[in-house]
Amino acid sequence: MEKGKFLTPEKQITFMTSLEKTSLVEFCNRWLAAWSGNQPQTLLSFYHEEILYRDPACPKGLQGKVALAGYLEKLLAHNPNWIWELVELFPTSAGFNLKWKANIPLGHAKLPKSDSVEEIVEYGMDIVEIWDGQIVRNEVYFDRAQWISRLTYFSQNPH
């Protein structure tokens, strides 16, 4: 059966061939890897010019690649050693939703990762919509309370 041939748009969300899901997983893994290493231009290459990006620090959202670039440059510079992993991917008619895991070293963000740096683990979910092979909508959801409390601790207790 062709994709969506007998399905309403609402039901197309659950209909996807294994090849399409494999492509989405590969795309997602490349995209998540680009969040590490403080390479904002590499990460930005995944985003459409008309991107709408939201996360807990930007709840009203950032519209457009230029606005997102400024945000990502600062965010990645402060977190060059974090590592993002795909936990689960849920295909949708417009892209995918994903559950992710992030290992976030704290305290010495500018130094190479070592055993002496505390690391927290966060889990969250994203809504990702894709147009023309690029992300046009990215909404990030997670409870950042642990992260904020640890950052506050490190700012008050520098090593």
C-alpha atoms as a PDB file:
ATOM      1  CA  MET A   1       0.000   0.000   0.000  1.00  0.00           C
ATOM      2  CA  GLU A   2       1.305   3.457  -0.845  1.00  0.00           C
ATOM      3  CA  LYS A   3       1.924   5.760   2.070  1.00  0.00           C
ATOM      4  CA  GLY A   4      -1.318   7.453   3.014  1.00  0.00           C
ATOM      5  CA  LYS A   5      -3.366   5.977   0.147  1.00  0.00           C
ATOM      6  CA  PHE A   6      -6.256   4.913   2.368  1.00  0.00           C
ATOM      7  CA  LEU A   7      -5.488   6.953   5.446  1.00  0.00           C
ATOM      8  CA  THR A   8      -6.792  10.285   6.620  1.00  0.00           C
ATOM      9  CA  PRO A   9      -4.098  12.882   7.437  1.00  0.00           C
ATOM     10  CA  GLU A  10      -4.593  12.154  11.150  1.00  0.00           C
ATOM     11  CA  LYS A  11      -3.975   8.417  10.657  1.00  0.00           C
ATOM     12  CA  GLN A  12      -0.931   8.980   8.425  1.00  0.00           C
ATOM     13  CA  ILE A  13       0.964   9.866  11.591  1.00  0.00           C
ATOM     14  CA  THR A  14       1.267   6.170  12.492  1.00  0.00           C
ATOM     15  CA  PHE A  15       1.898   4.863   8.967  1.00  0.00           C
ATOM     16  CA  MET A  16       5.505   4.745   7.840  1.00  0.00           C
ATOM     17  CA  THR A  17       7.642   2.125   6.143  1.00  0.00           C
ATOM     18  CA  SER A  18      10.691   0.741   7.922  1.00  0.00           C
ATOM     19  CA  LEU A  19      12.916   2.371   5.270  1.00  0.00           C
ATOM     20  CA  GLU A  20      11.471   5.803   6.046  1.00  0.00           C
ATOM     21  CA  LYS A  21      11.938   5.255   9.773  1.00  0.00           C
ATOM     22  CA  THR A  22      15.540   4.114   9.185  1.00  0.00           C
ATOM     23  CA  SER A  23      16.206   7.340   7.259  1.00  0.00           C
ATOM     24  CA  LEU A  24      14.698   9.401  10.071  1.00  0.00           C
ATOM     25  CA  VAL A  25      16.807   7.593  12.674  1.00  0.00           C
ATOM     26  CA  GLU A  26      19.961   8.205  10.622  1.00  0.00           C
ATOM     27  CA  PHE A  27      19.044  11.893  10.195  1.00  0.00           C
ATOM     28  CA  CYS A  28      18.285  12.197  13.916  1.00  0.00           C
ATOM     29  CA  ASN A  29      21.574  10.576  14.953  1.00  0.00           C
ATOM     30  CA  ARG A  30      23.592  12.930  12.700  1.00  0.00           C
ATOM     31  CA  TRP A  31      21.643  15.919  14.045  1.00  0.00           C
ATOM     32  CA  LEU A  32      22.121  14.935  17.697  1.00  0.00           C
ATOM     33  CA  ALA A  33      25.856  14.385  17.110  1.00  0.00           C
ATOM     34  CA  ALA A  34      26.056  17.959  15.753  1.00  0.00           C
ATOM     35  CA  TRP A  35      24.958  19.265  19.176  1.00  0.00           C
ATOM     36  CA  SER A  36      28.350  18.189  20.593  1.00  0.00           C
ATOM     37  CA  GLY A  37      31.744  19.792  20.076  1.00  0.00           C
ATOM     38  CA  ASN A  38      30.813  23.494  19.817  1.00  0.00           C
ATOM     39  CA  GLN A  39      30.255  23.550  16.057  1.00  0.00           C
ATOM     40  CA  PRO A  40      27.234  25.834  15.643  1.00  0.00           C
ATOM     41  CA  GLN A  41      27.557  26.067  11.857  1.00  0.00           C
ATOM     42  CA  THR A  42      27.410  22.274  11.548  1.00  0.00           C
ATOM     43  CA  LEU A  43      24.319  22.197  13.741  1.00  0.00           C
ATOM     44  CA  LEU A  44      22.704  25.095  11.875  1.00  0.00           C
ATOM     45  CA  SER A  45      23.061  23.187   8.579  1.00  0.00           C
ATOM     46  CA  PHE A  46      20.240  20.910   9.783  1.00  0.00           C
ATOM     47  CA  TYR A  47      17.824  23.842  10.170  1.00  0.00           C
ATOM     48  CA  HIS A  48      15.597  25.511   7.570  1.00  0.00           C
ATOM     49  CA  GLU A  49      15.787  29.292   7.071  1.00  0.00           C
ATOM     50  CA  GLU A  50      12.270  29.594   8.512  1.00  0.00           C
ATOM     51  CA  ILE A  51      12.936  27.500  11.627  1.00  0.00           C
ATOM     52  CA  LEU A  52      10.727  27.913  14.679  1.00  0.00           C
ATOM     53  CA  TYR A  53      12.755  26.812  17.704  1.00  0.00           C
ATOM     54  CA  ARG A  54      11.540  26.585  21.306  1.00  0.00           C
ATOM     55  CA  ASP A  55      13.124  25.189  24.442  1.00  0.00           C
ATOM     56  CA  PRO A  56      12.675  25.829  28.185  1.00  0.00           C
ATOM     57  CA  ALA A  57      15.060  28.819  28.008  1.00  0.00           C
ATOM     58  CA  CYS A  58      13.168  30.279  24.997  1.00  0.00           C
ATOM     59  CA  PRO A  59       9.513  29.440  25.644  1.00  0.00           C
ATOM     60  CA  LYS A  60       8.239  32.113  23.238  1.00  0.00           C
ATOM     61  CA  GLY A  61      10.491  30.679  20.556  1.00  0.00           C
ATOM     62  CA  LEU A  62      13.054  31.915  18.093  1.00  0.00           C
ATOM     63  CA  GLN A  63      11.931  32.491  14.526  1.00  0.00           C
ATOM     64  CA  GLY A  64      14.416  32.124  11.674  1.00  0.00           C
ATOM     65  CA  LYS A  65      17.909  30.756  11.247  1.00  0.00           C
ATOM     66  CA  VAL A  66      19.632  34.068  12.077  1.00  0.00           C
ATOM     67  CA  ALA A  67      17.954  34.264  15.496  1.00  0.00           C
ATOM     68  CA  LEU A  68      18.696  30.611  16.146  1.00  0.00           C
ATOM     69  CA  ALA A  69      22.354  31.056  15.162  1.00  0.00           C
ATOM     70  CA  GLY A  70      22.999  33.640  17.874  1.00  0.00           C
ATOM     71  CA  TYR A  71      21.364  31.463  20.497  1.00  0.00           C
ATOM     72  CA  LEU A  72      23.172  28.267  19.475  1.00  0.00           C
ATOM     73  CA  GLU A  73      26.572  29.967  19.341  1.00  0.00           C
ATOM     74  CA  LYS A  74      26.253  30.940  23.021  1.00  0.00           C
ATOM     75  CA  LEU A  75      24.630  27.679  24.115  1.00  0.00           C
ATOM     76  CA  LEU A  76      27.192  25.424  22.437  1.00  0.00           C
ATOM     77  CA  ALA A  77      30.133  27.568  23.611  1.00  0.00           C
ATOM     78  CA  HIS A  78      29.012  27.015  27.211  1.00  0.00           C
ATOM     79  CA  ASN A  79      28.384  23.293  26.675  1.00  0.00           C
ATOM     80  CA  PRO A  80      31.061  21.991  24.279  1.00  0.00           C
ATOM     81  CA  ASN A  81      31.330  18.555  25.886  1.00  0.00           C
ATOM     82  CA  TRP A  82      27.728  17.528  26.235  1.00  0.00           C
ATOM     83  CA  ILE A  83      26.629  14.362  24.432  1.00  0.00           C
ATOM     84  CA  TRP A  84      23.130  13.773  23.050  1.00  0.00           C
ATOM     85  CA  GLU A  85      21.720  10.317  22.323  1.00  0.00           C
ATOM     86  CA  LEU A  86      18.545   9.086  20.684  1.00  0.00           C
ATOM     87  CA  VAL A  87      16.505   6.888  23.036  1.00  0.00           C
ATOM     88  CA  GLU A  88      13.319   6.461  20.981  1.00  0.00           C
ATOM     89  CA  LEU A  89      11.981   7.931  17.749  1.00  0.00           C
ATOM     90  CA  PHE A  90       8.307   8.271  16.865  1.00  0.00           C
ATOM     91  CA  PRO A  91       7.682   9.106  13.168  1.00  0.00           C
ATOM     92  CA  THR A  92       4.956  11.625  12.362  1.00  0.00           C
ATOM     93  CA  SER A  93       3.464  12.806   9.087  1.00  0.00           C
ATOM     94  CA  ALA A  94       5.700  15.919   9.215  1.00  0.00           C
ATOM     95  CA  GLY A  95       8.896  14.527  10.783  1.00  0.00           C
ATOM     96  CA  PHE A  96       9.323  12.837  14.146  1.00  0.00           C
ATOM     97  CA  ASN A  97       9.126  13.145  17.899  1.00  0.00           C
ATOM     98  CA  LEU A  98      12.037  11.810  19.874  1.00  0.00           C
ATOM     99  CA  LYS A  99      12.999  10.911  23.381  1.00  0.00           C
ATOM    100  CA  TRP A 100      16.631  11.813  24.054  1.00  0.00           C
ATOM    101  CA  LYS A 101      19.294  11.475  26.709  1.00  0.00           C
ATOM    102  CA  ALA A 102      21.899  14.189  27.301  1.00  0.00           C
ATOM    103  CA  ASN A 103      25.077  13.787  29.348  1.00  0.00           C
ATOM    104  CA  ILE A 104      26.010  17.294  30.458  1.00  0.00           C
ATOM    105  CA  PRO A 105      29.386  17.957  32.132  1.00  0.00           C
ATOM    106  CA  LEU A 106      29.197  20.828  34.621  1.00  0.00           C
ATOM    107  CA  GLY A 107      31.629  23.070  36.415  1.00  0.00           C
ATOM    108  CA  HIS A 108      34.458  23.288  33.920  1.00  0.00           C
ATOM    109  CA  ALA A 109      32.658  23.710  30.611  1.00  0.00           C
ATOM    110  CA  LYS A 110      35.699  25.247  28.930  1.00  0.00           C
ATOM    111  CA  LEU A 111      38.015  22.379  29.901  1.00  0.00           C
ATOM    112  CA  PRO A 112      38.193  18.941  28.261  1.00  0.00           C
ATOM    113  CA  LYS A 113      35.910  16.390  29.866  1.00  0.00           C
ATOM    114  CA  SER A 114      37.600  14.507  32.708  1.00  0.00           C
ATOM    115  CA  ASP A 115      36.687  12.366  35.695  1.00  0.00           C
ATOM    116  CA  SER A 116      36.895  15.396  37.992  1.00  0.00           C
ATOM    117  CA  VAL A 117      34.006  17.199  36.253  1.00  0.00           C
ATOM    118  CA  GLU A 118      30.514  16.494  37.557  1.00  0.00           C
ATOM    119  CA  GLU A 119      28.072  15.282  34.935  1.00  0.00           C
ATOM    120  CA  ILE A 120      24.302  15.250  35.024  1.00  0.00           C
ATOM    121  CA  VAL A 121      22.021  13.187  32.850  1.00  0.00           C
ATOM    122  CA  GLU A 122      18.845  14.713  31.459  1.00  0.00           C
ATOM    123  CA  TYR A 123      16.041  13.086  29.480  1.00  0.00           C
ATOM    124  CA  GLY A 124      13.583  14.975  27.318  1.00  0.00           C
ATOM    125  CA  MET A 125      11.515  15.011  24.171  1.00  0.00           C
ATOM    126  CA  ASP A 126      11.524  17.037  20.978  1.00  0.00           C
ATOM    127  CA  ILE A 127       8.962  17.733  18.295  1.00  0.00           C
ATOM    128  CA  VAL A 128      10.783  17.902  14.964  1.00  0.00           C
ATOM    129  CA  GLU A 129       9.151  18.840  11.650  1.00  0.00           C
ATOM    130  CA  ILE A 130      11.079  18.708   8.390  1.00  0.00           C
ATOM    131  CA  TRP A 131      10.627  20.623   5.111  1.00  0.00           C
ATOM    132  CA  ASP A 132      12.913  20.092   2.149  1.00  0.00           C
ATOM    133  CA  GLY A 133      15.270  17.921   4.206  1.00  0.00           C
ATOM    134  CA  GLN A 134      15.764  20.512   6.963  1.00  0.00           C
ATOM    135  CA  ILE A 135      14.200  21.063  10.372  1.00  0.00           C
ATOM    136  CA  VAL A 136      11.568  23.798  10.220  1.00  0.00           C
ATOM    137  CA  ARG A 137      10.100  23.282  13.700  1.00  0.00           C
ATOM    138  CA  ASN A 138      11.985  22.108  16.781  1.00  0.00           C
ATOM    139  CA  GLU A 139      10.351  22.235  20.182  1.00  0.00           C
ATOM    140  CA  VAL A 140      12.382  20.894  23.107  1.00  0.00           C
ATOM    141  CA  TYR A 141      10.752  19.734  26.346  1.00  0.00           C
ATOM    142  CA  PHE A 142      12.515  18.683  29.543  1.00  0.00           C
ATOM    143  CA  ASP A 143      12.600  19.538  33.225  1.00  0.00           C
ATOM    144  CA  ARG A 144      15.722  21.644  33.626  1.00  0.00           C
ATOM    145  CA  ALA A 145      15.441  21.993  37.420  1.00  0.00           C
ATOM    146  CA  GLN A 146      18.385  19.639  38.096  1.00  0.00           C
ATOM    147  CA  TRP A 147      20.555  21.442  35.541  1.00  0.00           C
ATOM    148  CA  ILE A 148      19.733  24.902  36.919  1.00  0.00           C
ATOM    149  CA  SER A 149      20.351  23.818  40.517  1.00  0.00           C
ATOM    150  CA  ARG A 150      23.763  22.361  39.612  1.00  0.00           C
ATOM    151  CA  LEU A 151      24.730  25.445  37.590  1.00  0.00           C
ATOM    152  CA  THR A 152      23.737  27.633  40.536  1.00  0.00           C
ATOM    153  CA  TYR A 153      25.886  25.498  42.834  1.00  0.00           C
ATOM    154  CA  PHE A 154      28.925  25.778  40.544  1.00  0.00           C
ATOM    155  CA  SER A 155      28.533  29.523  40.138  1.00  0.00           C
ATOM    156  CA  GLN A 156      28.475  29.922  43.933  1.00  0.00           C
ATOM    157  CA  ASN A 157      31.257  27.347  44.570  1.00  0.00           C
ATOM    158  CA  PRO A 158      33.901  27.749  41.865  1.00  0.00           C
ATOM    159  CA  HIS A 159      36.662  25.165  41.833  1.00  0.00           C
END
